């Protein structure tokens, strides 16, 4: 079983809302999943990204592969979590 971290769509027509889930790669996009590890709401400004860092780290250590979009969200979340360097 190949586990992947990917988005599962929720919400209404023209108002998408996504769950970041750990799932078997053979499952459908909105099908069953193993664990919900975060949310992503692109309709808000700024975008809302909430991830369960310890669970994502667990799945990555267990060999899960993030999709391209989830990898991008992980980078954005890591960048936002870093404190800004003071300007001299």
C-alpha atoms as a PDB file:
ATOM      1  CA  UNK A   1       0.000   0.000   0.000  1.00  0.00           C
ATOM      2  CA  UNK A   2       1.475   3.338  -1.088  1.00  0.00           C
ATOM      3  CA  UNK A   3       0.388   6.132   1.230  1.00  0.00           C
ATOM      4  CA  UNK A   4       0.182   9.665  -0.157  1.00  0.00           C
ATOM      5  CA  UNK A   5      -0.606  13.038   1.385  1.00  0.00           C
ATOM      6  CA  UNK A   6      -3.048  14.830  -0.891  1.00  0.00           C
ATOM      7  CA  UNK A   7      -6.051  17.138  -1.007  1.00  0.00           C
ATOM      8  CA  UNK A   8      -9.641  15.957  -0.704  1.00  0.00           C
ATOM      9  CA  UNK A   9     -12.181  18.477  -1.988  1.00  0.00           C
ATOM     10  CA  UNK A  10     -15.139  19.647   0.066  1.00  0.00           C
ATOM     11  CA  UNK A  11     -17.293  22.754  -0.067  1.00  0.00           C
ATOM     12  CA  UNK A  12     -19.766  23.889  -2.686  1.00  0.00           C
ATOM     13  CA  UNK A  13     -19.720  24.782  -6.363  1.00  0.00           C
ATOM     14  CA  UNK A  14     -17.259  27.671  -6.898  1.00  0.00           C
ATOM     15  CA  UNK A  15     -16.373  27.675  -3.187  1.00  0.00           C
ATOM     16  CA  UNK A  16     -13.785  24.918  -2.746  1.00  0.00           C
ATOM     17  CA  UNK A  17     -12.444  23.845   0.619  1.00  0.00           C
ATOM     18  CA  UNK A  18      -9.858  21.105   0.948  1.00  0.00           C
ATOM     19  CA  UNK A  19      -8.831  18.595   3.600  1.00  0.00           C
ATOM     20  CA  UNK A  20      -5.217  17.432   3.595  1.00  0.00           C
ATOM     21  CA  UNK A  21      -5.442  13.666   4.059  1.00  0.00           C
ATOM     22  CA  UNK A  22      -3.227  10.609   4.257  1.00  0.00           C
ATOM     23  CA  UNK A  23      -4.674   7.960   1.956  1.00  0.00           C
ATOM     24  CA  UNK A  24      -3.858   4.942  -0.168  1.00  0.00           C
ATOM     25  CA  UNK A  25      -2.815   6.128  -3.626  1.00  0.00           C
ATOM     26  CA  UNK A  26      -5.404   3.839  -5.250  1.00  0.00           C
ATOM     27  CA  UNK A  27      -8.365   5.527  -3.517  1.00  0.00           C
ATOM     28  CA  UNK A  28     -10.468   8.161  -5.273  1.00  0.00           C
ATOM     29  CA  UNK A  29      -9.742  11.843  -4.615  1.00  0.00           C
ATOM     30  CA  UNK A  30     -12.761  12.259  -2.350  1.00  0.00           C
ATOM     31  CA  UNK A  31     -12.900   8.614  -1.262  1.00  0.00           C
ATOM     32  CA  UNK A  32     -11.972   7.028   2.021  1.00  0.00           C
ATOM     33  CA  UNK A  33      -8.789   8.102   3.749  1.00  0.00           C
ATOM     34  CA  UNK A  34      -6.624   6.963   6.646  1.00  0.00           C
ATOM     35  CA  UNK A  35      -6.269  10.252   8.518  1.00  0.00           C
ATOM     36  CA  UNK A  36      -7.177  13.925   8.147  1.00  0.00           C
ATOM     37  CA  UNK A  37      -3.994  15.944   8.774  1.00  0.00           C
ATOM     38  CA  UNK A  38      -5.006  19.500   7.921  1.00  0.00           C
ATOM     39  CA  UNK A  39      -7.148  21.956   6.000  1.00  0.00           C
ATOM     40  CA  UNK A  40      -6.621  24.390   3.145  1.00  0.00           C
ATOM     41  CA  UNK A  41      -9.083  27.125   2.195  1.00  0.00           C
ATOM     42  CA  UNK A  42      -7.980  29.019  -0.940  1.00  0.00           C
ATOM     43  CA  UNK A  43     -11.055  31.280  -0.992  1.00  0.00           C
ATOM     44  CA  UNK A  44      -9.887  33.395   1.960  1.00  0.00           C
ATOM     45  CA  UNK A  45      -7.323  36.176   1.686  1.00  0.00           C
ATOM     46  CA  UNK A  46      -4.786  35.362   2.952  1.00  0.00           C
ATOM     47  CA  UNK A  47      -5.275  31.671   2.304  1.00  0.00           C
ATOM     48  CA  UNK A  48      -6.022  29.542   5.358  1.00  0.00           C
ATOM     49  CA  UNK A  49      -3.566  26.686   5.844  1.00  0.00           C
ATOM     50  CA  UNK A  50      -3.811  24.671   9.052  1.00  0.00           C
ATOM     51  CA  UNK A  51      -1.677  21.549   9.291  1.00  0.00           C
ATOM     52  CA  UNK A  52      -1.087  19.038  12.079  1.00  0.00           C
ATOM     53  CA  UNK A  53       2.706  19.162  11.895  1.00  0.00           C
ATOM     54  CA  UNK A  54       3.411  16.166  14.139  1.00  0.00           C
ATOM     55  CA  UNK A  55       1.028  13.901  12.167  1.00  0.00           C
ATOM     56  CA  UNK A  56       2.414  15.044   8.814  1.00  0.00           C
ATOM     57  CA  UNK A  57       5.938  14.393  10.077  1.00  0.00           C
ATOM     58  CA  UNK A  58       4.836  10.923  11.229  1.00  0.00           C
ATOM     59  CA  UNK A  59       3.446  10.060   7.785  1.00  0.00           C
ATOM     60  CA  UNK A  60       6.497  11.413   5.963  1.00  0.00           C
ATOM     61  CA  UNK A  61       8.781   9.323   8.189  1.00  0.00           C
ATOM     62  CA  UNK A  62       6.572   6.300   7.485  1.00  0.00           C
ATOM     63  CA  UNK A  63       7.204   6.753   3.747  1.00  0.00           C
ATOM     64  CA  UNK A  64       4.184   8.755   2.584  1.00  0.00           C
ATOM     65  CA  UNK A  65       4.753  10.879  -0.512  1.00  0.00           C
ATOM     66  CA  UNK A  66       3.162  14.353  -0.656  1.00  0.00           C
ATOM     67  CA  UNK A  67       1.431  15.425  -3.871  1.00  0.00           C
ATOM     68  CA  UNK A  68       2.825  18.484  -5.662  1.00  0.00           C
ATOM     69  CA  UNK A  69       0.173  20.737  -4.158  1.00  0.00           C
ATOM     70  CA  UNK A  70       0.622  19.406  -0.621  1.00  0.00           C
ATOM     71  CA  UNK A  71       4.408  19.803  -0.936  1.00  0.00           C
ATOM     72  CA  UNK A  72       3.829  23.447  -1.932  1.00  0.00           C
ATOM     73  CA  UNK A  73       1.499  23.943   1.064  1.00  0.00           C
ATOM     74  CA  UNK A  74       4.088  22.408   3.421  1.00  0.00           C
ATOM     75  CA  UNK A  75       6.701  24.875   2.144  1.00  0.00           C
ATOM     76  CA  UNK A  76       4.308  27.823   2.548  1.00  0.00           C
ATOM     77  CA  UNK A  77       3.362  26.760   6.076  1.00  0.00           C
ATOM     78  CA  UNK A  78       7.035  26.326   7.048  1.00  0.00           C
ATOM     79  CA  UNK A  79       7.874  29.743   5.605  1.00  0.00           C
ATOM     80  CA  UNK A  80       4.999  31.395   7.471  1.00  0.00           C
ATOM     81  CA  UNK A  81       6.005  29.730  10.751  1.00  0.00           C
ATOM     82  CA  UNK A  82       9.546  31.143  10.640  1.00  0.00           C
ATOM     83  CA  UNK A  83       9.968  34.412  12.534  1.00  0.00           C
ATOM     84  CA  UNK A  84      10.889  37.359  10.352  1.00  0.00           C
ATOM     85  CA  UNK A  85      14.522  38.435  10.564  1.00  0.00           C
ATOM     86  CA  UNK A  86      14.977  41.936  12.032  1.00  0.00           C
ATOM     87  CA  UNK A  87      16.002  44.534   9.467  1.00  0.00           C
ATOM     88  CA  UNK A  88      19.185  46.420  10.224  1.00  0.00           C
END
